N, C-alpha and C. Protein backbone atom coordinates (compact mmCIF):
# COMPACT_ATOMS: atom_id res chain seq x y z
N MET A 1 -7.95 25.13 -7.20
CA MET A 1 -7.06 24.20 -6.55
C MET A 1 -5.88 23.79 -7.49
N GLN A 2 -6.19 23.49 -8.72
CA GLN A 2 -5.13 22.96 -9.61
C GLN A 2 -3.98 23.78 -9.70
N SER A 3 -4.23 25.18 -9.72
CA SER A 3 -2.98 26.13 -9.87
C SER A 3 -2.10 26.09 -8.71
N GLN A 4 -2.53 25.66 -7.50
CA GLN A 4 -1.79 25.63 -6.37
C GLN A 4 -0.99 24.24 -6.17
N ILE A 5 -1.14 23.44 -7.20
CA ILE A 5 -0.56 22.06 -7.10
C ILE A 5 0.79 22.05 -7.92
N ALA A 6 1.87 21.56 -7.18
CA ALA A 6 3.18 21.44 -7.85
C ALA A 6 3.37 20.03 -8.08
N ILE A 7 3.75 19.49 -9.19
CA ILE A 7 4.05 18.07 -9.64
C ILE A 7 5.63 17.97 -9.58
N LYS A 8 6.15 17.05 -8.88
CA LYS A 8 7.66 16.86 -8.97
C LYS A 8 7.92 15.49 -8.50
N HIS A 9 9.06 14.90 -8.89
CA HIS A 9 9.58 13.58 -8.59
C HIS A 9 10.04 13.62 -7.07
N ILE A 10 9.64 12.53 -6.42
CA ILE A 10 10.22 12.37 -5.07
C ILE A 10 11.73 11.98 -5.14
N GLU A 11 12.66 12.59 -4.57
CA GLU A 11 13.98 12.19 -4.54
C GLU A 11 14.54 11.90 -3.22
N SER A 12 14.05 12.58 -2.24
CA SER A 12 14.71 12.45 -0.87
C SER A 12 13.85 11.49 0.03
N ASP A 13 14.73 10.90 0.95
CA ASP A 13 14.10 10.05 1.87
C ASP A 13 12.98 10.59 2.73
N ALA A 14 13.19 11.88 3.13
CA ALA A 14 12.08 12.67 3.76
C ALA A 14 10.85 12.72 3.02
N ASP A 15 10.96 13.09 1.83
CA ASP A 15 9.86 13.16 0.94
C ASP A 15 9.03 11.80 0.74
N LEU A 16 9.88 10.80 0.63
CA LEU A 16 9.39 9.45 0.59
C LEU A 16 8.55 9.06 1.74
N ASP A 17 9.19 9.44 2.97
CA ASP A 17 8.54 9.24 4.22
C ASP A 17 7.11 9.94 4.27
N THR A 18 7.12 11.17 3.76
CA THR A 18 5.93 11.90 3.68
C THR A 18 4.90 11.41 2.88
N SER A 19 5.29 10.64 1.83
CA SER A 19 4.28 10.02 0.87
C SER A 19 3.55 8.79 1.37
N PHE A 20 4.08 8.14 2.52
CA PHE A 20 3.62 6.94 2.95
C PHE A 20 2.18 6.99 3.27
N SER A 21 1.58 7.99 3.90
CA SER A 21 0.15 7.95 4.22
C SER A 21 -0.79 8.10 2.94
N VAL A 22 -0.25 8.80 1.96
CA VAL A 22 -1.04 8.97 0.83
C VAL A 22 -1.05 7.65 -0.04
N MET A 23 0.18 6.92 -0.04
CA MET A 23 0.11 5.66 -0.69
C MET A 23 -0.64 4.64 0.07
N GLN A 24 -0.88 4.69 1.36
CA GLN A 24 -1.60 3.74 2.08
C GLN A 24 -3.12 3.83 1.60
N GLU A 25 -3.51 4.95 1.15
CA GLU A 25 -5.01 5.05 0.66
C GLU A 25 -5.23 4.22 -0.54
N LEU A 26 -4.20 3.97 -1.39
CA LEU A 26 -4.23 3.13 -2.49
C LEU A 26 -3.99 1.71 -2.08
N ARG A 27 -2.94 1.53 -1.26
CA ARG A 27 -2.38 0.30 -0.82
C ARG A 27 -2.47 0.00 0.66
N PRO A 28 -3.76 -0.12 1.09
CA PRO A 28 -3.94 -0.25 2.56
C PRO A 28 -3.11 -1.37 3.37
N HIS A 29 -2.74 -2.30 2.56
CA HIS A 29 -1.90 -3.43 3.20
C HIS A 29 -0.65 -2.88 3.64
N LEU A 30 -0.16 -1.74 3.18
CA LEU A 30 1.17 -1.06 3.76
C LEU A 30 1.00 -0.72 5.05
N ASN A 31 1.75 -1.18 6.05
CA ASN A 31 1.60 -0.76 7.39
C ASN A 31 2.99 -0.52 8.05
N ASP A 32 4.02 -0.49 7.33
CA ASP A 32 5.31 -0.27 7.91
C ASP A 32 6.11 0.72 7.09
N ARG A 33 6.43 1.96 7.49
CA ARG A 33 7.07 2.90 6.77
C ARG A 33 8.49 2.41 6.23
N ALA A 34 9.27 1.66 7.00
CA ALA A 34 10.58 1.20 6.71
C ALA A 34 10.39 0.18 5.54
N ALA A 35 9.47 -0.67 5.67
CA ALA A 35 9.31 -1.64 4.62
C ALA A 35 8.91 -1.06 3.32
N TYR A 36 8.07 0.09 3.51
CA TYR A 36 7.62 0.79 2.28
C TYR A 36 8.89 1.45 1.59
N ALA A 37 9.65 2.10 2.46
CA ALA A 37 10.96 2.71 1.85
C ALA A 37 11.82 1.66 1.27
N ALA A 38 11.93 0.46 1.87
CA ALA A 38 12.83 -0.64 1.10
C ALA A 38 12.16 -1.13 -0.09
N GLN A 39 10.90 -1.25 -0.16
CA GLN A 39 10.16 -1.64 -1.40
C GLN A 39 10.35 -0.66 -2.48
N ILE A 40 10.23 0.63 -2.10
CA ILE A 40 10.52 1.60 -3.22
C ILE A 40 11.71 1.59 -3.66
N ALA A 41 12.84 1.49 -2.74
CA ALA A 41 14.23 1.44 -3.12
C ALA A 41 14.47 0.20 -4.11
N GLN A 42 13.86 -0.91 -3.71
CA GLN A 42 13.97 -2.18 -4.71
C GLN A 42 13.37 -1.82 -6.07
N GLN A 43 12.21 -1.27 -6.04
CA GLN A 43 11.60 -0.82 -7.26
C GLN A 43 12.36 0.26 -8.19
N ARG A 44 13.01 1.05 -7.38
CA ARG A 44 13.77 1.96 -8.12
C ARG A 44 14.98 1.40 -8.95
N THR A 45 15.52 0.28 -8.38
CA THR A 45 16.58 -0.52 -9.19
C THR A 45 16.07 -0.97 -10.44
N GLN A 46 14.57 -1.09 -10.55
CA GLN A 46 13.99 -1.49 -11.89
C GLN A 46 13.44 -0.29 -12.70
N GLY A 47 13.80 0.90 -12.28
CA GLY A 47 13.37 2.11 -12.99
C GLY A 47 12.22 2.80 -12.44
N TYR A 48 11.63 2.45 -11.36
CA TYR A 48 10.46 3.11 -10.81
C TYR A 48 10.80 4.45 -10.42
N ARG A 49 9.80 5.44 -10.75
CA ARG A 49 9.91 6.77 -10.35
C ARG A 49 8.54 7.13 -9.73
N LEU A 50 8.64 8.07 -8.74
CA LEU A 50 7.40 8.41 -8.05
C LEU A 50 7.23 9.91 -8.16
N LEU A 51 6.11 10.31 -8.87
CA LEU A 51 5.78 11.73 -8.97
C LEU A 51 4.81 12.04 -7.78
N ALA A 52 4.92 13.21 -7.21
CA ALA A 52 4.13 13.64 -6.13
C ALA A 52 3.39 14.91 -6.49
N ALA A 53 2.18 15.12 -6.10
CA ALA A 53 1.42 16.29 -6.17
C ALA A 53 1.45 17.03 -4.85
N TRP A 54 2.02 18.20 -4.83
CA TRP A 54 2.21 18.87 -3.56
C TRP A 54 1.24 20.08 -3.44
N SER A 55 0.60 20.34 -2.37
CA SER A 55 -0.21 21.44 -2.00
C SER A 55 0.22 21.98 -0.61
N GLY A 56 0.63 23.25 -0.56
CA GLY A 56 0.94 23.84 0.72
C GLY A 56 1.83 22.99 1.65
N GLY A 57 2.91 22.45 1.00
CA GLY A 57 3.91 21.53 1.71
C GLY A 57 3.51 20.20 2.02
N ALA A 58 2.38 19.85 1.63
CA ALA A 58 1.81 18.47 1.73
C ALA A 58 1.58 17.74 0.54
N ILE A 59 1.95 16.39 0.51
CA ILE A 59 1.76 15.51 -0.65
C ILE A 59 0.22 15.21 -0.58
N VAL A 60 -0.42 15.44 -1.85
CA VAL A 60 -1.79 15.07 -1.84
C VAL A 60 -2.18 14.08 -2.93
N GLY A 61 -1.06 13.68 -3.78
CA GLY A 61 -1.39 12.57 -4.60
C GLY A 61 0.01 12.11 -5.18
N LEU A 62 0.02 10.80 -5.69
CA LEU A 62 1.23 10.09 -6.15
C LEU A 62 0.88 9.41 -7.45
N ALA A 63 1.90 9.35 -8.24
CA ALA A 63 1.91 8.52 -9.48
C ALA A 63 3.16 7.82 -9.59
N GLY A 64 3.23 6.52 -9.49
CA GLY A 64 4.44 5.67 -9.53
C GLY A 64 4.44 5.01 -10.87
N TYR A 65 5.53 5.10 -11.56
CA TYR A 65 5.58 4.53 -12.94
C TYR A 65 6.97 4.03 -13.18
N ARG A 66 7.09 3.14 -14.23
CA ARG A 66 8.41 2.71 -14.70
C ARG A 66 8.39 2.49 -16.10
N LEU A 67 9.56 2.74 -16.71
CA LEU A 67 9.83 2.49 -18.18
C LEU A 67 10.14 0.95 -18.50
N GLN A 68 9.47 0.43 -19.40
CA GLN A 68 9.58 -1.12 -19.77
C GLN A 68 9.56 -1.30 -21.19
N ASP A 69 10.00 -2.47 -21.59
CA ASP A 69 10.00 -2.98 -22.84
C ASP A 69 9.44 -4.33 -22.82
N ASN A 70 8.54 -4.63 -23.81
CA ASN A 70 8.06 -6.10 -24.03
C ASN A 70 7.52 -6.23 -25.50
N LEU A 71 7.29 -7.43 -25.77
CA LEU A 71 6.83 -7.75 -27.08
C LEU A 71 5.45 -7.32 -27.45
N LEU A 72 4.62 -7.08 -26.41
CA LEU A 72 3.31 -6.52 -26.64
C LEU A 72 3.12 -5.15 -26.93
N TYR A 73 3.91 -4.21 -26.19
CA TYR A 73 3.75 -2.76 -26.21
C TYR A 73 5.09 -2.23 -26.72
N GLY A 74 6.15 -2.93 -26.93
CA GLY A 74 7.35 -2.29 -27.39
C GLY A 74 7.88 -1.43 -26.10
N HIS A 75 8.34 -0.31 -26.37
CA HIS A 75 8.86 0.64 -25.25
C HIS A 75 7.72 1.40 -24.79
N PHE A 76 7.58 1.36 -23.40
CA PHE A 76 6.28 1.94 -22.90
C PHE A 76 6.58 2.33 -21.38
N ILE A 77 5.63 3.15 -20.88
CA ILE A 77 5.53 3.53 -19.51
C ILE A 77 4.45 2.81 -18.79
N TYR A 78 4.76 2.03 -17.74
CA TYR A 78 3.66 1.34 -16.93
C TYR A 78 3.46 2.16 -15.66
N VAL A 79 2.18 2.55 -15.31
CA VAL A 79 1.84 3.26 -14.13
C VAL A 79 1.43 2.10 -13.19
N ASP A 80 2.27 2.08 -12.05
CA ASP A 80 2.02 1.06 -10.97
C ASP A 80 0.98 1.61 -10.07
N ASP A 81 1.10 2.94 -9.67
CA ASP A 81 0.30 3.48 -8.64
C ASP A 81 -0.17 4.80 -8.98
N LEU A 82 -1.35 5.23 -8.80
CA LEU A 82 -2.05 6.52 -9.03
C LEU A 82 -3.01 6.73 -7.91
N VAL A 83 -2.80 7.74 -7.13
CA VAL A 83 -3.65 7.91 -5.92
C VAL A 83 -3.68 9.44 -5.55
N VAL A 84 -4.87 9.87 -5.35
CA VAL A 84 -5.14 11.13 -4.80
C VAL A 84 -5.77 10.92 -3.48
N THR A 85 -5.33 11.86 -2.41
CA THR A 85 -6.15 11.78 -1.07
C THR A 85 -7.53 11.92 -1.28
N ALA A 86 -8.29 11.15 -0.46
CA ALA A 86 -9.72 11.08 -0.72
C ALA A 86 -10.37 12.38 -0.53
N SER A 87 -9.90 13.33 0.35
CA SER A 87 -10.62 14.57 0.41
C SER A 87 -10.42 15.45 -0.75
N LEU A 88 -9.59 15.15 -1.70
CA LEU A 88 -9.34 16.03 -2.86
C LEU A 88 -9.69 15.32 -4.12
N HIS A 89 -10.41 14.13 -4.17
CA HIS A 89 -10.99 13.64 -5.36
C HIS A 89 -11.77 14.64 -6.14
N ARG A 90 -11.68 14.52 -7.36
CA ARG A 90 -12.42 15.47 -8.21
C ARG A 90 -11.93 16.90 -8.34
N ALA A 91 -10.64 17.12 -7.83
CA ALA A 91 -10.01 18.44 -7.81
C ALA A 91 -9.12 18.61 -8.91
N GLY A 92 -8.90 17.52 -9.85
CA GLY A 92 -8.11 17.64 -10.95
C GLY A 92 -6.67 17.21 -10.69
N ILE A 93 -6.49 16.73 -9.53
CA ILE A 93 -5.01 16.28 -9.19
C ILE A 93 -4.67 15.03 -9.86
N GLY A 94 -5.57 14.17 -9.95
CA GLY A 94 -5.28 12.78 -10.64
C GLY A 94 -5.07 13.10 -12.05
N GLU A 95 -5.76 13.93 -12.77
CA GLU A 95 -5.55 14.32 -14.19
C GLU A 95 -4.10 14.86 -14.34
N ARG A 96 -3.75 15.88 -13.45
CA ARG A 96 -2.41 16.44 -13.41
C ARG A 96 -1.26 15.36 -13.33
N LEU A 97 -1.51 14.36 -12.45
CA LEU A 97 -0.53 13.38 -12.17
C LEU A 97 -0.43 12.48 -13.47
N LEU A 98 -1.62 12.07 -13.95
CA LEU A 98 -1.63 11.27 -15.04
C LEU A 98 -0.96 11.91 -16.30
N GLN A 99 -1.26 13.17 -16.46
CA GLN A 99 -0.62 13.86 -17.58
C GLN A 99 0.79 14.07 -17.35
N ALA A 100 1.35 14.32 -16.13
CA ALA A 100 2.81 14.29 -16.00
C ALA A 100 3.49 13.04 -16.30
N ALA A 101 2.88 11.81 -15.87
CA ALA A 101 3.39 10.50 -16.26
C ALA A 101 3.43 10.35 -17.71
N ARG A 102 2.37 10.71 -18.36
CA ARG A 102 2.15 10.48 -19.82
C ARG A 102 3.31 11.39 -20.57
N GLN A 103 3.55 12.61 -20.09
CA GLN A 103 4.55 13.47 -20.68
C GLN A 103 5.89 12.82 -20.55
N GLN A 104 6.18 12.05 -19.38
CA GLN A 104 7.43 11.32 -19.21
C GLN A 104 7.41 10.19 -20.37
N ALA A 105 6.35 9.69 -20.62
CA ALA A 105 6.40 8.52 -21.68
C ALA A 105 6.64 9.28 -23.07
N VAL A 106 5.96 10.33 -23.42
CA VAL A 106 6.31 11.02 -24.64
C VAL A 106 7.70 11.43 -24.76
N ALA A 107 8.37 12.01 -23.58
CA ALA A 107 9.71 12.40 -23.67
C ALA A 107 10.73 11.34 -23.84
N LEU A 108 10.30 10.11 -23.42
CA LEU A 108 11.09 8.96 -23.49
C LEU A 108 10.85 8.13 -24.76
N ASP A 109 10.09 8.74 -25.71
CA ASP A 109 9.77 8.06 -26.91
C ASP A 109 9.08 6.83 -26.90
N CYS A 110 8.22 6.68 -25.88
CA CYS A 110 7.41 5.44 -25.69
C CYS A 110 6.34 5.28 -26.70
N ARG A 111 5.95 4.09 -27.06
CA ARG A 111 4.89 3.69 -27.99
C ARG A 111 3.56 3.68 -27.31
N HIS A 112 3.55 3.37 -25.92
CA HIS A 112 2.31 3.17 -25.27
C HIS A 112 2.45 3.69 -23.83
N PHE A 113 1.35 3.94 -23.33
CA PHE A 113 1.18 4.26 -21.84
C PHE A 113 0.13 3.41 -21.27
N VAL A 114 0.50 2.48 -20.23
CA VAL A 114 -0.21 1.44 -19.81
C VAL A 114 -0.37 1.61 -18.25
N LEU A 115 -1.68 1.08 -17.78
CA LEU A 115 -1.82 0.88 -16.39
C LEU A 115 -2.92 -0.23 -16.19
N ASP A 116 -3.07 -0.68 -15.03
CA ASP A 116 -4.01 -1.61 -14.64
C ASP A 116 -4.84 -1.03 -13.54
N THR A 117 -6.19 -1.44 -13.44
CA THR A 117 -6.94 -1.02 -12.32
C THR A 117 -7.87 -2.14 -11.91
N GLY A 118 -8.34 -2.29 -10.78
CA GLY A 118 -9.15 -3.28 -10.28
C GLY A 118 -10.44 -3.27 -10.88
N LEU A 119 -11.13 -4.50 -11.17
CA LEU A 119 -12.30 -4.61 -11.78
C LEU A 119 -13.45 -4.11 -10.83
N HIS A 120 -13.11 -3.90 -9.57
CA HIS A 120 -14.11 -3.46 -8.62
C HIS A 120 -14.05 -1.94 -8.47
N MET A 121 -13.21 -1.22 -9.36
CA MET A 121 -12.96 0.26 -9.08
C MET A 121 -13.61 0.91 -10.44
N ALA A 122 -14.88 0.99 -10.43
CA ALA A 122 -15.68 1.59 -11.52
C ALA A 122 -15.50 3.09 -11.74
N LEU A 123 -15.28 3.74 -10.59
CA LEU A 123 -14.97 5.28 -10.79
C LEU A 123 -13.60 5.37 -11.34
N ALA A 124 -12.65 4.65 -10.94
CA ALA A 124 -11.32 4.70 -11.57
C ALA A 124 -11.29 4.47 -13.08
N GLN A 125 -12.08 3.49 -13.42
CA GLN A 125 -12.18 3.04 -14.80
C GLN A 125 -12.78 4.19 -15.64
N ARG A 126 -13.86 4.85 -15.09
CA ARG A 126 -14.46 5.94 -15.80
C ARG A 126 -13.47 7.07 -15.91
N PHE A 127 -12.67 7.37 -14.92
CA PHE A 127 -11.65 8.39 -14.97
C PHE A 127 -10.63 8.03 -16.10
N TYR A 128 -10.24 6.86 -16.20
CA TYR A 128 -9.18 6.44 -17.16
C TYR A 128 -9.77 6.54 -18.57
N PHE A 129 -11.07 6.02 -18.81
CA PHE A 129 -11.63 6.24 -20.05
C PHE A 129 -11.70 7.66 -20.50
N ARG A 130 -12.15 8.56 -19.50
CA ARG A 130 -12.19 10.04 -19.80
C ARG A 130 -10.94 10.63 -20.24
N HIS A 131 -9.81 10.05 -19.87
CA HIS A 131 -8.44 10.64 -20.17
C HIS A 131 -7.77 9.72 -21.20
N GLY A 132 -8.49 9.12 -22.04
CA GLY A 132 -7.99 8.54 -23.30
C GLY A 132 -7.42 7.09 -23.12
N LEU A 133 -7.48 6.47 -22.01
CA LEU A 133 -6.99 5.12 -21.77
C LEU A 133 -8.10 4.20 -22.12
N LEU A 134 -7.80 3.09 -22.81
CA LEU A 134 -8.82 2.13 -23.22
C LEU A 134 -8.53 0.77 -22.60
N ALA A 135 -9.52 0.05 -22.29
CA ALA A 135 -9.44 -1.28 -21.74
C ALA A 135 -9.08 -2.25 -22.93
N THR A 136 -8.10 -2.95 -22.82
CA THR A 136 -7.67 -3.74 -23.99
C THR A 136 -7.46 -5.23 -23.56
N GLY A 137 -7.65 -5.56 -22.24
CA GLY A 137 -7.44 -6.94 -21.77
C GLY A 137 -7.87 -7.05 -20.30
N MET A 138 -7.50 -8.21 -19.82
CA MET A 138 -7.82 -8.45 -18.36
C MET A 138 -6.43 -8.86 -17.82
N HIS A 139 -6.28 -8.49 -16.50
CA HIS A 139 -5.05 -8.89 -15.77
C HIS A 139 -5.39 -10.06 -14.90
N PHE A 140 -4.49 -11.11 -15.00
CA PHE A 140 -4.73 -12.27 -14.24
C PHE A 140 -3.70 -12.45 -13.34
N VAL A 141 -4.05 -12.98 -12.00
CA VAL A 141 -3.02 -13.03 -10.93
C VAL A 141 -3.30 -14.39 -10.27
N GLU A 142 -2.23 -15.00 -9.82
CA GLU A 142 -2.31 -16.21 -8.96
C GLU A 142 -1.34 -16.03 -7.77
N PRO A 143 -1.91 -15.87 -6.60
CA PRO A 143 -0.95 -15.80 -5.46
C PRO A 143 -0.39 -17.21 -5.32
N LEU A 144 0.89 -17.23 -4.99
CA LEU A 144 1.76 -18.36 -4.76
C LEU A 144 1.92 -18.59 -3.36
N PRO A 145 1.93 -19.92 -2.98
CA PRO A 145 2.20 -20.37 -1.52
C PRO A 145 3.60 -19.72 -1.06
N GLN A 146 3.65 -19.48 0.11
CA GLN A 146 4.81 -18.78 0.80
C GLN A 146 6.04 -19.63 0.45
N GLU A 147 6.00 -20.95 0.63
CA GLU A 147 7.21 -21.73 0.26
C GLU A 147 7.66 -21.61 -1.08
N ALA A 148 6.94 -21.33 -2.03
CA ALA A 148 7.40 -21.09 -3.46
C ALA A 148 8.23 -19.90 -3.70
N ARG A 149 8.17 -18.97 -2.68
CA ARG A 149 8.84 -17.67 -2.81
C ARG A 149 10.35 -17.79 -2.56
N THR A 150 10.81 -18.83 -2.14
CA THR A 150 12.25 -18.90 -1.70
C THR A 150 13.15 -19.26 -2.91
């Protein structure tokens, strides 16, 4: 299966639209294609790129990442999204996407390659450990009331 997979960046609106159902597998709260496209457009202004794994003309996996700088990691790639369609888990597609994003980090002379995963996602955590990523902290989040967003 791996040899039939092509990894390339999504550049067109049509390809972005095609990616929606795969992204929904990771982000089930997404329910509006137009809102998804608008959100991706906003994230692109912040350097977000979306890699797609293609098989037979269909998108079967995605890796969204961005180049960042901070005091903790210096110059680094942060992976926002990594998903492979459920029917193709364990087919090596996630590994290929992760490697493609890592290659971007190396090409951009990054010092680190960073991602977060949910504490409830034990299989994802095992996958990341197997591919050289180490857990070095916890991610804390506080949802803010709607009125604070204005």
